[in-house]
PDB file of N, CA and C in Angstrom:
ATOM      1  N   UNK A   1     -46.888 -28.584  21.684  1.00  0.00           N
ATOM      2  CA  UNK A   1     -46.182 -29.273  22.729  1.00  0.00           C
ATOM      3  C   UNK A   1     -45.712 -30.645  22.268  1.00  0.00           C
ATOM      4  N   UNK A   2     -46.521 -31.330  21.457  1.00  0.00           N
ATOM      5  CA  UNK A   2     -46.173 -32.672  20.999  1.00  0.00           C
ATOM      6  C   UNK A   2     -44.841 -32.660  20.260  1.00  0.00           C
ATOM      7  N   UNK A   3     -44.684 -31.758  19.323  1.00  0.00           N
ATOM      8  CA  UNK A   3     -43.449 -31.733  18.527  1.00  0.00           C
ATOM      9  C   UNK A   3     -42.258 -31.292  19.365  1.00  0.00           C
ATOM     10  N   UNK A   4     -42.481 -30.409  20.307  1.00  0.00           N
ATOM     11  CA  UNK A   4     -41.389 -29.971  21.189  1.00  0.00           C
ATOM     12  C   UNK A   4     -40.876 -31.130  22.035  1.00  0.00           C
ATOM     13  N   UNK A   5     -41.776 -32.005  22.482  1.00  0.00           N
ATOM     14  CA  UNK A   5     -41.352 -33.187  23.240  1.00  0.00           C
ATOM     15  C   UNK A   5     -40.432 -34.065  22.402  1.00  0.00           C
ATOM     16  N   UNK A   6     -40.783 -34.263  21.135  1.00  0.00           N
ATOM     17  CA  UNK A   6     -39.942 -35.078  20.253  1.00  0.00           C
ATOM     18  C   UNK A   6     -38.620 -34.380  19.971  1.00  0.00           C
ATOM     19  N   UNK A   7     -38.665 -33.093  19.787  1.00  0.00           N
ATOM     20  CA  UNK A   7     -37.447 -32.316  19.573  1.00  0.00           C
ATOM     21  C   UNK A   7     -36.504 -32.469  20.764  1.00  0.00           C
ATOM     22  N   UNK A   8     -37.031 -32.323  21.950  1.00  0.00           N
ATOM     23  CA  UNK A   8     -36.216 -32.502  23.154  1.00  0.00           C
ATOM     24  C   UNK A   8     -35.680 -33.926  23.249  1.00  0.00           C
ATOM     25  N   UNK A   9     -36.496 -34.911  22.864  1.00  0.00           N
ATOM     26  CA  UNK A   9     -36.096 -36.320  22.969  1.00  0.00           C
ATOM     27  C   UNK A   9     -34.917 -36.653  22.055  1.00  0.00           C
ATOM     28  N   UNK A  10     -34.819 -36.006  20.895  1.00  0.00           N
ATOM     29  CA  UNK A  10     -33.705 -36.319  19.990  1.00  0.00           C
ATOM     30  C   UNK A  10     -32.427 -35.575  20.344  1.00  0.00           C
ATOM     31  N   UNK A  11     -32.529 -34.564  21.195  1.00  0.00           N
ATOM     32  CA  UNK A  11     -31.330 -33.837  21.604  1.00  0.00           C
ATOM     33  C   UNK A  11     -31.428 -32.332  21.513  1.00  0.00           C
ATOM     34  N   UNK A  12     -32.564 -31.813  21.090  1.00  0.00           N
ATOM     35  CA  UNK A  12     -32.769 -30.373  21.082  1.00  0.00           C
ATOM     36  C   UNK A  12     -32.557 -29.707  19.732  1.00  0.00           C
ATOM     37  N   UNK A  13     -32.643 -28.381  19.772  1.00  0.00           N
ATOM     38  CA  UNK A  13     -32.577 -27.560  18.560  1.00  0.00           C
ATOM     39  C   UNK A  13     -31.254 -27.711  17.817  1.00  0.00           C
ATOM     40  N   UNK A  14     -30.148 -27.826  18.534  1.00  0.00           N
ATOM     41  CA  UNK A  14     -28.840 -27.940  17.884  1.00  0.00           C
ATOM     42  C   UNK A  14     -28.788 -29.177  16.995  1.00  0.00           C
ATOM     43  N   UNK A  15     -29.302 -30.274  17.505  1.00  0.00           N
ATOM     44  CA  UNK A  15     -29.317 -31.524  16.738  1.00  0.00           C
ATOM     45  C   UNK A  15     -30.216 -31.380  15.511  1.00  0.00           C
ATOM     46  N   UNK A  16     -31.410 -30.828  15.710  1.00  0.00           N
ATOM     47  CA  UNK A  16     -32.330 -30.653  14.586  1.00  0.00           C
ATOM     48  C   UNK A  16     -31.737 -29.730  13.531  1.00  0.00           C
ATOM     49  N   UNK A  17     -31.143 -28.611  13.947  1.00  0.00           N
ATOM     50  CA  UNK A  17     -30.538 -27.684  12.981  1.00  0.00           C
ATOM     51  C   UNK A  17     -29.425 -28.363  12.187  1.00  0.00           C
ATOM     52  N   UNK A  18     -28.643 -29.212  12.832  1.00  0.00           N
ATOM     53  CA  UNK A  18     -27.578 -29.924  12.138  1.00  0.00           C
ATOM     54  C   UNK A  18     -28.151 -30.895  11.098  1.00  0.00           C
ATOM     55  N   UNK A  19     -29.207 -31.598  11.459  1.00  0.00           N
ATOM     56  CA  UNK A  19     -29.851 -32.514  10.508  1.00  0.00           C
ATOM     57  C   UNK A  19     -30.405 -31.732   9.321  1.00  0.00           C
ATOM     58  N   UNK A  20     -31.093 -30.619   9.588  1.00  0.00           N
ATOM     59  CA  UNK A  20     -31.663 -29.815   8.504  1.00  0.00           C
ATOM     60  C   UNK A  20     -30.578 -29.209   7.618  1.00  0.00           C
ATOM     61  N   UNK A  21     -29.476 -28.750   8.208  1.00  0.00           N
ATOM     62  CA  UNK A  21     -28.372 -28.194   7.422  1.00  0.00           C
ATOM     63  C   UNK A  21     -27.757 -29.272   6.531  1.00  0.00           C
ATOM     64  N   UNK A  22     -27.658 -30.476   7.049  1.00  0.00           N
ATOM     65  CA  UNK A  22     -27.114 -31.584   6.250  1.00  0.00           C
ATOM     66  C   UNK A  22     -28.041 -31.917   5.095  1.00  0.00           C
ATOM     67  N   UNK A  23     -29.331 -31.989   5.361  1.00  0.00           N
ATOM     68  CA  UNK A  23     -30.294 -32.246   4.289  1.00  0.00           C
ATOM     69  C   UNK A  23     -30.259 -31.127   3.250  1.00  0.00           C
ATOM     70  N   UNK A  24     -30.089 -29.885   3.693  1.00  0.00           N
ATOM     71  CA  UNK A  24     -29.999 -28.747   2.762  1.00  0.00           C
ATOM     72  C   UNK A  24     -28.748 -28.855   1.894  1.00  0.00           C
ATOM     73  N   UNK A  25     -27.649 -29.308   2.473  1.00  0.00           N
ATOM     74  CA  UNK A  25     -26.407 -29.492   1.710  1.00  0.00           C
ATOM     75  C   UNK A  25     -26.625 -30.530   0.599  1.00  0.00           C
ATOM     76  N   UNK A  26     -27.264 -31.638   0.920  1.00  0.00           N
ATOM     77  CA  UNK A  26     -27.541 -32.679  -0.075  1.00  0.00           C
ATOM     78  C   UNK A  26     -28.531 -32.152  -1.108  1.00  0.00           C
ATOM     79  N   UNK A  27     -29.529 -31.403  -0.673  1.00  0.00           N
ATOM     80  CA  UNK A  27     -30.523 -30.833  -1.594  1.00  0.00           C
ATOM     81  C   UNK A  27     -29.867 -29.891  -2.592  1.00  0.00           C
ATOM     82  N   UNK A  28     -28.971 -29.024  -2.110  1.00  0.00           N
ATOM     83  CA  UNK A  28     -28.262 -28.103  -3.020  1.00  0.00           C
ATOM     84  C   UNK A  28     -27.438 -28.877  -4.046  1.00  0.00           C
ATOM     85  N   UNK A  29     -26.787 -29.914  -3.590  1.00  0.00           N
ATOM     86  CA  UNK A  29     -25.961 -30.739  -4.487  1.00  0.00           C
ATOM     87  C   UNK A  29     -26.786 -31.273  -5.661  1.00  0.00           C
ATOM     88  N   UNK A  30     -28.029 -31.660  -5.384  1.00  0.00           N
ATOM     89  CA  UNK A  30     -28.868 -32.266  -6.414  1.00  0.00           C
ATOM     90  C   UNK A  30     -29.847 -31.282  -7.049  1.00  0.00           C
ATOM     91  N   UNK A  31     -29.867 -30.040  -6.553  1.00  0.00           N
ATOM     92  CA  UNK A  31     -30.767 -29.037  -7.118  1.00  0.00           C
ATOM     93  C   UNK A  31     -32.236 -29.308  -6.829  1.00  0.00           C
ATOM     94  N   UNK A  32     -32.504 -29.843  -5.633  1.00  0.00           N
ATOM     95  CA  UNK A  32     -33.881 -30.137  -5.234  1.00  0.00           C
ATOM     96  C   UNK A  32     -34.148 -29.525  -3.870  1.00  0.00           C
ATOM     97  N   UNK A  33     -35.361 -29.681  -3.387  1.00  0.00           N
ATOM     98  CA  UNK A  33     -35.745 -29.150  -2.078  1.00  0.00           C
ATOM     99  C   UNK A  33     -35.369 -30.121  -0.958  1.00  0.00           C
ATOM    100  N   UNK A  34     -35.235 -29.596   0.248  1.00  0.00           N
ATOM    101  CA  UNK A  34     -34.975 -30.437   1.414  1.00  0.00           C
ATOM    102  C   UNK A  34     -36.067 -31.499   1.549  1.00  0.00           C
ATOM    103  N   UNK A  35     -37.311 -31.112   1.304  1.00  0.00           N
ATOM    104  CA  UNK A  35     -38.421 -32.070   1.393  1.00  0.00           C
ATOM    105  C   UNK A  35     -38.227 -33.221   0.410  1.00  0.00           C
ATOM    106  N   UNK A  36     -37.669 -32.932  -0.778  1.00  0.00           N
ATOM    107  CA  UNK A  36     -37.411 -34.000  -1.739  1.00  0.00           C
ATOM    108  C   UNK A  36     -36.380 -34.983  -1.217  1.00  0.00           C
ATOM    109  N   UNK A  37     -35.332 -34.469  -0.576  1.00  0.00           N
ATOM    110  CA  UNK A  37     -34.291 -35.337  -0.022  1.00  0.00           C
ATOM    111  C   UNK A  37     -34.897 -36.212   1.075  1.00  0.00           C
ATOM    112  N   UNK A  38     -35.668 -35.626   1.961  1.00  0.00           N
ATOM    113  CA  UNK A  38     -36.290 -36.388   3.040  1.00  0.00           C
ATOM    114  C   UNK A  38     -37.259 -37.427   2.487  1.00  0.00           C
ATOM    115  N   UNK A  39     -38.035 -37.037   1.483  1.00  0.00           N
ATOM    116  CA  UNK A  39     -38.988 -37.958   0.871  1.00  0.00           C
ATOM    117  C   UNK A  39     -38.268 -39.139   0.240  1.00  0.00           C
ATOM    118  N   UNK A  40     -37.114 -38.880  -0.334  1.00  0.00           N
ATOM    119  CA  UNK A  40     -36.310 -39.943  -0.951  1.00  0.00           C
ATOM    120  C   UNK A  40     -35.661 -40.826   0.115  1.00  0.00           C
ATOM    121  N   UNK A  41     -35.264 -40.240   1.226  1.00  0.00           N
ATOM    122  CA  UNK A  41     -34.529 -40.940   2.274  1.00  0.00           C
ATOM    123  C   UNK A  41     -35.399 -41.893   3.096  1.00  0.00           C
ATOM    124  N   UNK A  42     -36.581 -41.468   3.458  1.00  0.00           N
ATOM    125  CA  UNK A  42     -37.400 -42.237   4.394  1.00  0.00           C
ATOM    126  C   UNK A  42     -37.723 -43.645   3.887  1.00  0.00           C
ATOM    127  N   UNK A  43     -38.142 -43.846   2.632  1.00  0.00           N
ATOM    128  CA  UNK A  43     -38.460 -45.210   2.201  1.00  0.00           C
ATOM    129  C   UNK A  43     -37.234 -46.143   2.166  1.00  0.00           C
ATOM    130  N   UNK A  44     -36.040 -45.585   2.229  1.00  0.00           N
ATOM    131  CA  UNK A  44     -34.835 -46.415   2.237  1.00  0.00           C
ATOM    132  C   UNK A  44     -34.537 -46.977   3.629  1.00  0.00           C
ATOM    133  N   UNK A  45     -35.307 -46.561   4.633  1.00  0.00           N
ATOM    134  CA  UNK A  45     -35.094 -47.023   5.999  1.00  0.00           C
ATOM    135  C   UNK A  45     -35.720 -48.408   6.191  1.00  0.00           C
ATOM    136  N   UNK A  46     -35.108 -49.228   7.050  1.00  0.00           N
ATOM    137  CA  UNK A  46     -35.678 -50.553   7.311  1.00  0.00           C
ATOM    138  C   UNK A  46     -37.114 -50.446   7.823  1.00  0.00           C
ATOM    139  N   UNK A  47     -37.941 -51.344   7.377  1.00  0.00           N
ATOM    140  CA  UNK A  47     -39.338 -51.466   7.814  1.00  0.00           C
ATOM    141  C   UNK A  47     -40.246 -50.356   7.306  1.00  0.00           C
ATOM    142  N   UNK A  48     -39.772 -49.503   6.413  1.00  0.00           N
ATOM    143  CA  UNK A  48     -40.633 -48.473   5.826  1.00  0.00           C
ATOM    144  C   UNK A  48     -41.047 -48.944   4.435  1.00  0.00           C
ATOM    145  N   UNK A  49     -42.335 -49.137   4.261  1.00  0.00           N
ATOM    146  CA  UNK A  49     -42.838 -49.640   2.984  1.00  0.00           C
ATOM    147  C   UNK A  49     -43.357 -48.524   2.085  1.00  0.00           C
ATOM    148  N   UNK A  50     -43.776 -47.418   2.678  1.00  0.00           N
ATOM    149  CA  UNK A  50     -44.364 -46.336   1.881  1.00  0.00           C
ATOM    150  C   UNK A  50     -44.345 -45.049   2.698  1.00  0.00           C
ATOM    151  N   UNK A  51     -44.578 -43.951   2.022  1.00  0.00           N
ATOM    152  CA  UNK A  51     -44.700 -42.656   2.679  1.00  0.00           C
ATOM    153  C   UNK A  51     -45.964 -41.980   2.173  1.00  0.00           C
ATOM    154  N   UNK A  52     -46.443 -41.015   2.919  1.00  0.00           N
ATOM    155  CA  UNK A  52     -47.580 -40.209   2.486  1.00  0.00           C
ATOM    156  C   UNK A  52     -47.056 -38.805   2.225  1.00  0.00           C
ATOM    157  N   UNK A  53     -47.205 -38.347   1.000  1.00  0.00           N
ATOM    158  CA  UNK A  53     -46.741 -37.020   0.617  1.00  0.00           C
ATOM    159  C   UNK A  53     -47.906 -36.062   0.731  1.00  0.00           C
ATOM    160  N   UNK A  54     -47.717 -34.999   1.501  1.00  0.00           N
ATOM    161  CA  UNK A  54     -48.765 -34.007   1.659  1.00  0.00           C
ATOM    162  C   UNK A  54     -49.014 -33.256   0.364  1.00  0.00           C
ATOM    163  N   UNK A  55     -50.240 -32.914   0.130  1.00  0.00           N
ATOM    164  CA  UNK A  55     -50.600 -32.164  -1.071  1.00  0.00           C
ATOM    165  C   UNK A  55     -51.653 -31.131  -0.712  1.00  0.00           C
ATOM    166  N   UNK A  56     -51.574 -30.002  -1.373  1.00  0.00           N
ATOM    167  CA  UNK A  56     -52.561 -28.939  -1.156  1.00  0.00           C
ATOM    168  C   UNK A  56     -53.302 -28.696  -2.457  1.00  0.00           C
ATOM    169  N   UNK A  57     -54.515 -28.295  -2.321  1.00  0.00           N
ATOM    170  CA  UNK A  57     -55.304 -27.912  -3.485  1.00  0.00           C
ATOM    171  C   UNK A  57     -55.343 -26.400  -3.552  1.00  0.00           C
ATOM    172  N   UNK A  58     -55.407 -25.879  -4.744  1.00  0.00           N
ATOM    173  CA  UNK A  58     -55.517 -24.433  -4.894  1.00  0.00           C
ATOM    174  C   UNK A  58     -54.224 -23.800  -5.349  1.00  0.00           C
ATOM    175  N   UNK A  59     -54.015 -22.575  -4.898  1.00  0.00           N
ATOM    176  CA  UNK A  59     -52.898 -21.786  -5.418  1.00  0.00           C
ATOM    177  C   UNK A  59     -51.529 -22.241  -4.935  1.00  0.00           C
ATOM    178  N   UNK A  60     -51.448 -23.046  -3.905  1.00  0.00           N
ATOM    179  CA  UNK A  60     -50.165 -23.490  -3.368  1.00  0.00           C
ATOM    180  C   UNK A  60     -49.923 -24.982  -3.596  1.00  0.00           C
ATOM    181  N   UNK A  61     -50.339 -25.482  -4.734  1.00  0.00           N
ATOM    182  CA  UNK A  61     -50.110 -26.892  -5.058  1.00  0.00           C
ATOM    183  C   UNK A  61     -48.626 -27.130  -5.278  1.00  0.00           C
ATOM    184  N   UNK A  62     -48.182 -28.320  -4.931  1.00  0.00           N
ATOM    185  CA  UNK A  62     -46.764 -28.654  -5.036  1.00  0.00           C
ATOM    186  C   UNK A  62     -46.529 -29.877  -5.919  1.00  0.00           C
ATOM    187  N   UNK A  63     -47.387 -30.088  -6.905  1.00  0.00           N
ATOM    188  CA  UNK A  63     -47.266 -31.265  -7.754  1.00  0.00           C
ATOM    189  C   UNK A  63     -45.895 -31.334  -8.417  1.00  0.00           C
ATOM    190  N   UNK A  64     -45.497 -30.276  -9.058  1.00  0.00           N
ATOM    191  CA  UNK A  64     -44.220 -30.276  -9.789  1.00  0.00           C
ATOM    192  C   UNK A  64     -43.044 -30.490  -8.849  1.00  0.00           C
ATOM    193  N   UNK A  65     -43.065 -29.814  -7.708  1.00  0.00           N
ATOM    194  CA  UNK A  65     -41.960 -29.979  -6.766  1.00  0.00           C
ATOM    195  C   UNK A  65     -41.939 -31.384  -6.183  1.00  0.00           C
ATOM    196  N   UNK A  66     -43.107 -31.930  -5.861  1.00  0.00           N
ATOM    197  CA  UNK A  66     -43.144 -33.291  -5.325  1.00  0.00           C
ATOM    198  C   UNK A  66     -42.602 -34.308  -6.331  1.00  0.00           C
ATOM    199  N   UNK A  67     -42.832 -34.090  -7.598  1.00  0.00           N
ATOM    200  CA  UNK A  67     -42.332 -35.013  -8.622  1.00  0.00           C
ATOM    201  C   UNK A  67     -40.809 -34.972  -8.747  1.00  0.00           C
ATOM    202  N   UNK A  68     -40.182 -33.917  -8.253  1.00  0.00           N
ATOM    203  CA  UNK A  68     -38.717 -33.802  -8.342  1.00  0.00           C
ATOM    204  C   UNK A  68     -38.007 -34.867  -7.501  1.00  0.00           C
ATOM    205  N   UNK A  69     -38.742 -35.514  -6.602  1.00  0.00           N
ATOM    206  CA  UNK A  69     -38.143 -36.586  -5.810  1.00  0.00           C
ATOM    207  C   UNK A  69     -37.628 -37.709  -6.725  1.00  0.00           C
ATOM    208  N   UNK A  70     -38.199 -37.820  -7.910  1.00  0.00           N
ATOM    209  CA  UNK A  70     -37.783 -38.851  -8.858  1.00  0.00           C
ATOM    210  C   UNK A  70     -36.691 -38.369  -9.813  1.00  0.00           C
ATOM    211  N   UNK A  71     -36.234 -37.134  -9.647  1.00  0.00           N
ATOM    212  CA  UNK A  71     -35.256 -36.558 -10.584  1.00  0.00           C
ATOM    213  C   UNK A  71     -33.812 -36.770 -10.144  1.00  0.00           C
ATOM    214  N   UNK A  72     -33.599 -37.394  -8.977  1.00  0.00           N
ATOM    215  CA  UNK A  72     -32.235 -37.599  -8.491  1.00  0.00           C
ATOM    216  C   UNK A  72     -32.176 -38.890  -7.688  1.00  0.00           C
ATOM    217  N   UNK A  73     -30.977 -39.363  -7.491  1.00  0.00           N
ATOM    218  CA  UNK A  73     -30.750 -40.531  -6.632  1.00  0.00           C
ATOM    219  C   UNK A  73     -29.668 -40.165  -5.637  1.00  0.00           C
ATOM    220  N   UNK A  74     -29.892 -40.490  -4.382  1.00  0.00           N
ATOM    221  CA  UNK A  74     -28.857 -40.217  -3.390  1.00  0.00           C
ATOM    222  C   UNK A  74     -27.733 -41.234  -3.571  1.00  0.00           C
ATOM    223  N   UNK A  75     -26.521 -40.791  -3.305  1.00  0.00           N
ATOM    224  CA  UNK A  75     -25.367 -41.672  -3.467  1.00  0.00           C
ATOM    225  C   UNK A  75     -24.772 -42.013  -2.099  1.00  0.00           C
ATOM    226  N   UNK A  76     -23.690 -42.774  -2.104  1.00  0.00           N
ATOM    227  CA  UNK A  76     -23.062 -43.190  -0.842  1.00  0.00           C
ATOM    228  C   UNK A  76     -22.608 -42.003  -0.004  1.00  0.00           C
ATOM    229  N   UNK A  77     -22.090 -40.954  -0.663  1.00  0.00           N
ATOM    230  CA  UNK A  77     -21.658 -39.762   0.070  1.00  0.00           C
ATOM    231  C   UNK A  77     -22.843 -39.084   0.760  1.00  0.00           C
ATOM    232  N   UNK A  78     -23.967 -38.979   0.048  1.00  0.00           N
ATOM    233  CA  UNK A  78     -25.167 -38.380   0.641  1.00  0.00           C
ATOM    234  C   UNK A  78     -25.596 -39.164   1.870  1.00  0.00           C
ATOM    235  N   UNK A  79     -25.689 -40.471   1.722  1.00  0.00           N
ATOM    236  CA  UNK A  79     -26.132 -41.303   2.838  1.00  0.00           C
ATOM    237  C   UNK A  79     -25.155 -41.215   4.008  1.00  0.00           C
ATOM    238  N   UNK A  80     -23.874 -41.109   3.708  1.00  0.00           N
ATOM    239  CA  UNK A  80     -22.866 -41.032   4.764  1.00  0.00           C
ATOM    240  C   UNK A  80     -23.010 -39.750   5.591  1.00  0.00           C
ATOM    241  N   UNK A  81     -23.153 -38.596   4.925  1.00  0.00           N
ATOM    242  CA  UNK A  81     -23.271 -37.345   5.683  1.00  0.00           C
ATOM    243  C   UNK A  81     -24.596 -37.284   6.438  1.00  0.00           C
ATOM    244  N   UNK A  82     -25.649 -37.828   5.843  1.00  0.00           N
ATOM    245  CA  UNK A  82     -26.945 -37.839   6.524  1.00  0.00           C
ATOM    246  C   UNK A  82     -26.889 -38.783   7.726  1.00  0.00           C
ATOM    247  N   UNK A  83     -26.279 -39.937   7.551  1.00  0.00           N
ATOM    248  CA  UNK A  83     -26.150 -40.884   8.670  1.00  0.00           C
ATOM    249  C   UNK A  83     -25.358 -40.269   9.822  1.00  0.00           C
ATOM    250  N   UNK A  84     -24.305 -39.520   9.508  1.00  0.00           N
ATOM    251  CA  UNK A  84     -23.520 -38.866  10.568  1.00  0.00           C
ATOM    252  C   UNK A  84     -24.362 -37.843  11.323  1.00  0.00           C
ATOM    253  N   UNK A  85     -25.169 -37.074  10.589  1.00  0.00           N
ATOM    254  CA  UNK A  85     -26.026 -36.079  11.244  1.00  0.00           C
ATOM    255  C   UNK A  85     -27.078 -36.765  12.112  1.00  0.00           C
ATOM    256  N   UNK A  86     -27.664 -37.835  11.610  1.00  0.00           N
ATOM    257  CA  UNK A  86     -28.681 -38.546  12.375  1.00  0.00           C
ATOM    258  C   UNK A  86     -28.084 -39.244  13.592  1.00  0.00           C
ATOM    259  N   UNK A  87     -26.825 -39.653  13.484  1.00  0.00           N
ATOM    260  CA  UNK A  87     -26.167 -40.336  14.609  1.00  0.00           C
ATOM    261  C   UNK A  87     -26.001 -39.415  15.814  1.00  0.00           C
ATOM    262  N   UNK A  88     -26.038 -38.110  15.588  1.00  0.00           N
ATOM    263  CA  UNK A  88     -25.936 -37.154  16.699  1.00  0.00           C
ATOM    264  C   UNK A  88     -27.236 -37.061  17.492  1.00  0.00           C
ATOM    265  N   UNK A  89     -28.316 -37.594  16.930  1.00  0.00           N
ATOM    266  CA  UNK A  89     -29.601 -37.522  17.621  1.00  0.00           C
ATOM    267  C   UNK A  89     -29.839 -38.800  18.421  1.00  0.00           C
ATOM    268  N   UNK A  90     -30.598 -38.661  19.482  1.00  0.00           N
ATOM    269  CA  UNK A  90     -31.003 -39.818  20.269  1.00  0.00           C
ATOM    270  C   UNK A  90     -32.178 -40.485  19.572  1.00  0.00           C
ATOM    271  N   UNK A  91     -32.233 -41.784  19.630  1.00  0.00           N
ATOM    272  CA  UNK A  91     -33.349 -42.521  19.052  1.00  0.00           C
ATOM    273  C   UNK A  91     -34.578 -42.372  19.941  1.00  0.00           C
ATOM    274  N   UNK A  92     -35.717 -42.263  19.308  1.00  0.00           N
ATOM    275  CA  UNK A  92     -36.974 -42.232  20.030  1.00  0.00           C
ATOM    276  C   UNK A  92     -37.493 -43.668  20.047  1.00  0.00           C
ATOM    277  N   UNK A  93     -37.607 -44.265  21.231  1.00  0.00           N
ATOM    278  CA  UNK A  93     -38.016 -45.679  21.287  1.00  0.00           C
ATOM    279  C   UNK A  93     -39.474 -45.853  20.927  1.00  0.00           C
ATOM    280  N   UNK A  94     -39.796 -47.049  20.492  1.00  0.00           N
ATOM    281  CA  UNK A  94     -41.191 -47.400  20.229  1.00  0.00           C
ATOM    282  C   UNK A  94     -41.577 -47.201  18.782  1.00  0.00           C
ATOM    283  N   UNK A  95     -42.866 -47.136  18.582  1.00  0.00           N
ATOM    284  CA  UNK A  95     -43.463 -47.030  17.267  1.00  0.00           C
ATOM    285  C   UNK A  95     -44.189 -45.691  17.167  1.00  0.00           C
ATOM    286  N   UNK A  96     -44.631 -45.341  15.967  1.00  0.00           N
ATOM    287  CA  UNK A  96     -45.273 -44.043  15.776  1.00  0.00           C
ATOM    288  C   UNK A  96     -46.559 -43.898  16.590  1.00  0.00           C
ATOM    289  N   UNK A  97     -47.176 -44.992  16.974  1.00  0.00           N
ATOM    290  CA  UNK A  97     -48.399 -44.906  17.761  1.00  0.00           C
ATOM    291  C   UNK A  97     -48.173 -44.936  19.258  1.00  0.00           C
ATOM    292  N   UNK A  98     -46.927 -45.054  19.687  1.00  0.00           N
ATOM    293  CA  UNK A  98     -46.620 -45.190  21.105  1.00  0.00           C
ATOM    294  C   UNK A  98     -46.678 -43.886  21.890  1.00  0.00           C
ATOM    295  N   UNK A  99     -46.782 -42.765  21.222  1.00  0.00           N
ATOM    296  CA  UNK A  99     -46.731 -41.495  21.923  1.00  0.00           C
ATOM    297  C   UNK A  99     -47.838 -41.378  22.914  1.00  0.00           C
TER     298      UNK A  99
END
């Protein structure tokens, strides 16, 4: 229910699908995963000092894939298309602890 509330707050499934499709387009361009693009994008936002990258132990480790975030740099075109997709979403007011 928590994530559905946030999904509804940004504008619904159509908005989320558009954001994910845009991230996938940028990921294909650079030959990386959508998660790599998002991981690269978030620290570039104002007031973001760091991110926490999830990791699993065992047979589904993602060490190599997580390191691919350092194999590319987003350019002005990437940021422009991502900004346009994000502009279609409503901002969620407050801070991450305000929920």
